[in-house]
């Protein structure tokens, strides 16, 4: 994320049209949100190894609903940066929900 923050303007100019460079400061927020989501995805493998993928449907629903609620609210107020923040909020909710599901799975295995 530090690299995305430091080099965001140059990266955006290199990979996209110049107009997108106006929002280069949002890149690190997007990277953070995507990273949080991917960490949650990695934790899902615990349930997959126990043949319980259905346990994570609720976490996916929490992620989707959180984003659908937060994006319009934050987007109207803060624009593109608000939508990036909504991505982080939704990814954090997803990660926390996955951790909660994993904790419940662990408790079921303990006698």
C-alpha atoms as a PDB file:
ATOM      1  CA  UNK A   1       0.000   0.000   0.000  1.00  0.00           C
ATOM      2  CA  UNK A   2       2.890   2.320   0.716  1.00  0.00           C
ATOM      3  CA  UNK A   3       4.127   1.859  -2.843  1.00  0.00           C
ATOM      4  CA  UNK A   4       0.628   2.530  -4.158  1.00  0.00           C
ATOM      5  CA  UNK A   5       0.478   5.691  -2.059  1.00  0.00           C
ATOM      6  CA  UNK A   6       3.910   6.989  -3.033  1.00  0.00           C
ATOM      7  CA  UNK A   7       3.837   6.130  -6.725  1.00  0.00           C
ATOM      8  CA  UNK A   8       0.100   6.338  -7.351  1.00  0.00           C
ATOM      9  CA  UNK A   9       0.137   9.322  -9.684  1.00  0.00           C
ATOM     10  CA  UNK A  10       2.914   7.904 -11.856  1.00  0.00           C
ATOM     11  CA  UNK A  11       1.300   4.468 -11.888  1.00  0.00           C
ATOM     12  CA  UNK A  12      -2.064   5.865 -12.889  1.00  0.00           C
ATOM     13  CA  UNK A  13      -0.548   8.029 -15.620  1.00  0.00           C
ATOM     14  CA  UNK A  14       1.442   5.059 -16.926  1.00  0.00           C
ATOM     15  CA  UNK A  15      -1.460   2.588 -16.977  1.00  0.00           C
ATOM     16  CA  UNK A  16      -4.488   4.760 -17.781  1.00  0.00           C
ATOM     17  CA  UNK A  17      -5.593   7.994 -19.391  1.00  0.00           C
ATOM     18  CA  UNK A  18      -4.347  11.257 -17.918  1.00  0.00           C
ATOM     19  CA  UNK A  19      -7.812  12.187 -16.646  1.00  0.00           C
ATOM     20  CA  UNK A  20      -7.679   9.357 -14.119  1.00  0.00           C
ATOM     21  CA  UNK A  21      -4.511  10.824 -12.597  1.00  0.00           C
ATOM     22  CA  UNK A  22      -6.694  13.459 -10.947  1.00  0.00           C
ATOM     23  CA  UNK A  23      -7.855  10.723  -8.544  1.00  0.00           C
ATOM     24  CA  UNK A  24      -4.484   9.067  -7.980  1.00  0.00           C
ATOM     25  CA  UNK A  25      -4.687   9.704  -4.230  1.00  0.00           C
ATOM     26  CA  UNK A  26      -7.577   7.211  -4.021  1.00  0.00           C
ATOM     27  CA  UNK A  27      -5.476   4.321  -5.339  1.00  0.00           C
ATOM     28  CA  UNK A  28      -4.054   3.359  -1.944  1.00  0.00           C
ATOM     29  CA  UNK A  29      -7.575   3.240  -0.463  1.00  0.00           C
ATOM     30  CA  UNK A  30      -8.691   0.893  -3.233  1.00  0.00           C
ATOM     31  CA  UNK A  31      -5.587  -1.271  -2.715  1.00  0.00           C
ATOM     32  CA  UNK A  32      -6.381  -1.452   1.011  1.00  0.00           C
ATOM     33  CA  UNK A  33      -9.983  -2.491   0.363  1.00  0.00           C
ATOM     34  CA  UNK A  34      -9.000  -5.142  -2.157  1.00  0.00           C
ATOM     35  CA  UNK A  35      -6.303  -6.446   0.185  1.00  0.00           C
ATOM     36  CA  UNK A  36      -8.752  -6.778   3.068  1.00  0.00           C
ATOM     37  CA  UNK A  37     -11.162  -8.652   0.835  1.00  0.00           C
ATOM     38  CA  UNK A  38      -8.432 -11.020  -0.380  1.00  0.00           C
ATOM     39  CA  UNK A  39      -7.346 -11.745   3.197  1.00  0.00           C
ATOM     40  CA  UNK A  40     -10.951 -12.690   3.900  1.00  0.00           C
ATOM     41  CA  UNK A  41     -10.916 -14.950   0.851  1.00  0.00           C
ATOM     42  CA  UNK A  42      -7.809 -16.682   2.180  1.00  0.00           C
ATOM     43  CA  UNK A  43      -9.528 -17.321   5.504  1.00  0.00           C
ATOM     44  CA  UNK A  44     -12.436 -18.932   3.641  1.00  0.00           C
ATOM     45  CA  UNK A  45     -10.112 -21.810   2.761  1.00  0.00           C
ATOM     46  CA  UNK A  46     -10.472 -23.004   6.357  1.00  0.00           C
ATOM     47  CA  UNK A  47     -14.128 -23.755   5.755  1.00  0.00           C
ATOM     48  CA  UNK A  48     -13.457 -25.147   2.312  1.00  0.00           C
ATOM     49  CA  UNK A  49     -11.020 -27.640   3.816  1.00  0.00           C
ATOM     50  CA  UNK A  50     -13.807 -28.761   6.148  1.00  0.00           C
ATOM     51  CA  UNK A  51     -16.238 -29.103   3.255  1.00  0.00           C
ATOM     52  CA  UNK A  52     -18.405 -26.272   4.563  1.00  0.00           C
ATOM     53  CA  UNK A  53     -18.415 -23.617   1.820  1.00  0.00           C
ATOM     54  CA  UNK A  54     -22.074 -22.811   2.442  1.00  0.00           C
ATOM     55  CA  UNK A  55     -21.184 -21.263   5.783  1.00  0.00           C
ATOM     56  CA  UNK A  56     -19.714 -18.264   3.979  1.00  0.00           C
ATOM     57  CA  UNK A  57     -22.813 -17.270   2.013  1.00  0.00           C
ATOM     58  CA  UNK A  58     -23.791 -14.970   4.865  1.00  0.00           C
ATOM     59  CA  UNK A  59     -20.385 -13.280   4.729  1.00  0.00           C
ATOM     60  CA  UNK A  60     -20.825 -12.670   0.993  1.00  0.00           C
ATOM     61  CA  UNK A  61     -24.275 -11.197   1.619  1.00  0.00           C
ATOM     62  CA  UNK A  62     -22.883  -8.937   4.371  1.00  0.00           C
ATOM     63  CA  UNK A  63     -20.161  -7.768   1.976  1.00  0.00           C
ATOM     64  CA  UNK A  64     -22.594  -7.031  -0.835  1.00  0.00           C
ATOM     65  CA  UNK A  65     -25.190  -5.281   1.317  1.00  0.00           C
ATOM     66  CA  UNK A  66     -22.576  -3.226   3.141  1.00  0.00           C
ATOM     67  CA  UNK A  67     -21.164  -2.000  -0.148  1.00  0.00           C
ATOM     68  CA  UNK A  68     -24.613  -1.342  -1.618  1.00  0.00           C
ATOM     69  CA  UNK A  69     -25.523   0.765   1.425  1.00  0.00           C
ATOM     70  CA  UNK A  70     -22.193   2.527   1.947  1.00  0.00           C
ATOM     71  CA  UNK A  71     -21.306   3.347  -1.670  1.00  0.00           C
ATOM     72  CA  UNK A  72     -24.260   5.646  -2.389  1.00  0.00           C
ATOM     73  CA  UNK A  73     -23.994   7.361   0.998  1.00  0.00           C
ATOM     74  CA  UNK A  74     -20.261   7.952   0.896  1.00  0.00           C
ATOM     75  CA  UNK A  75     -20.203   8.445  -2.868  1.00  0.00           C
ATOM     76  CA  UNK A  76     -22.703  11.302  -2.749  1.00  0.00           C
ATOM     77  CA  UNK A  77     -20.777  13.041  -0.023  1.00  0.00           C
ATOM     78  CA  UNK A  78     -17.150  12.366  -1.007  1.00  0.00           C
ATOM     79  CA  UNK A  79     -17.351  11.326  -4.669  1.00  0.00           C
ATOM     80  CA  UNK A  80     -14.884   8.756  -5.956  1.00  0.00           C
ATOM     81  CA  UNK A  81     -12.979   8.758  -2.660  1.00  0.00           C
ATOM     82  CA  UNK A  82     -16.228   7.897  -0.873  1.00  0.00           C
ATOM     83  CA  UNK A  83     -16.838   4.884  -3.080  1.00  0.00           C
ATOM     84  CA  UNK A  84     -13.264   3.726  -2.403  1.00  0.00           C
ATOM     85  CA  UNK A  85     -13.923   4.118   1.325  1.00  0.00           C
ATOM     86  CA  UNK A  86     -17.139   2.112   0.938  1.00  0.00           C
ATOM     87  CA  UNK A  87     -15.043  -0.626  -0.637  1.00  0.00           C
ATOM     88  CA  UNK A  88     -12.841  -0.658   2.476  1.00  0.00           C
ATOM     89  CA  UNK A  89     -15.825  -0.678   4.819  1.00  0.00           C
ATOM     90  CA  UNK A  90     -17.457  -3.567   2.944  1.00  0.00           C
ATOM     91  CA  UNK A  91     -14.203  -5.536   2.780  1.00  0.00           C
ATOM     92  CA  UNK A  92     -13.662  -5.027   6.513  1.00  0.00           C
ATOM     93  CA  UNK A  93     -17.191  -6.246   7.235  1.00  0.00           C
ATOM     94  CA  UNK A  94     -16.534  -9.286   5.036  1.00  0.00           C
ATOM     95  CA  UNK A  95     -13.256 -10.092   6.770  1.00  0.00           C
ATOM     96  CA  UNK A  96     -14.823  -9.787  10.227  1.00  0.00           C
ATOM     97  CA  UNK A  97     -17.760 -11.967   9.217  1.00  0.00           C
ATOM     98  CA  UNK A  98     -15.448 -14.640   7.790  1.00  0.00           C
ATOM     99  CA  UNK A  99     -13.425 -14.628  11.003  1.00  0.00           C
ATOM    100  CA  UNK A 100     -16.642 -15.028  12.994  1.00  0.00           C
ATOM    101  CA  UNK A 101     -17.697 -17.988  10.820  1.00  0.00           C
ATOM    102  CA  UNK A 102     -14.264 -19.573  11.251  1.00  0.00           C
ATOM    103  CA  UNK A 103     -14.488 -19.167  15.011  1.00  0.00           C
ATOM    104  CA  UNK A 104     -17.840 -20.941  15.027  1.00  0.00           C
ATOM    105  CA  UNK A 105     -16.397 -23.735  12.883  1.00  0.00           C
ATOM    106  CA  UNK A 106     -13.496 -24.118  15.310  1.00  0.00           C
ATOM    107  CA  UNK A 107     -15.855 -24.324  18.300  1.00  0.00           C
ATOM    108  CA  UNK A 108     -17.839 -27.082  16.595  1.00  0.00           C
ATOM    109  CA  UNK A 109     -14.696 -29.187  16.302  1.00  0.00           C
ATOM    110  CA  UNK A 110     -13.755 -28.810  19.964  1.00  0.00           C
ATOM    111  CA  UNK A 111     -15.333 -31.363  22.346  1.00  0.00           C
END
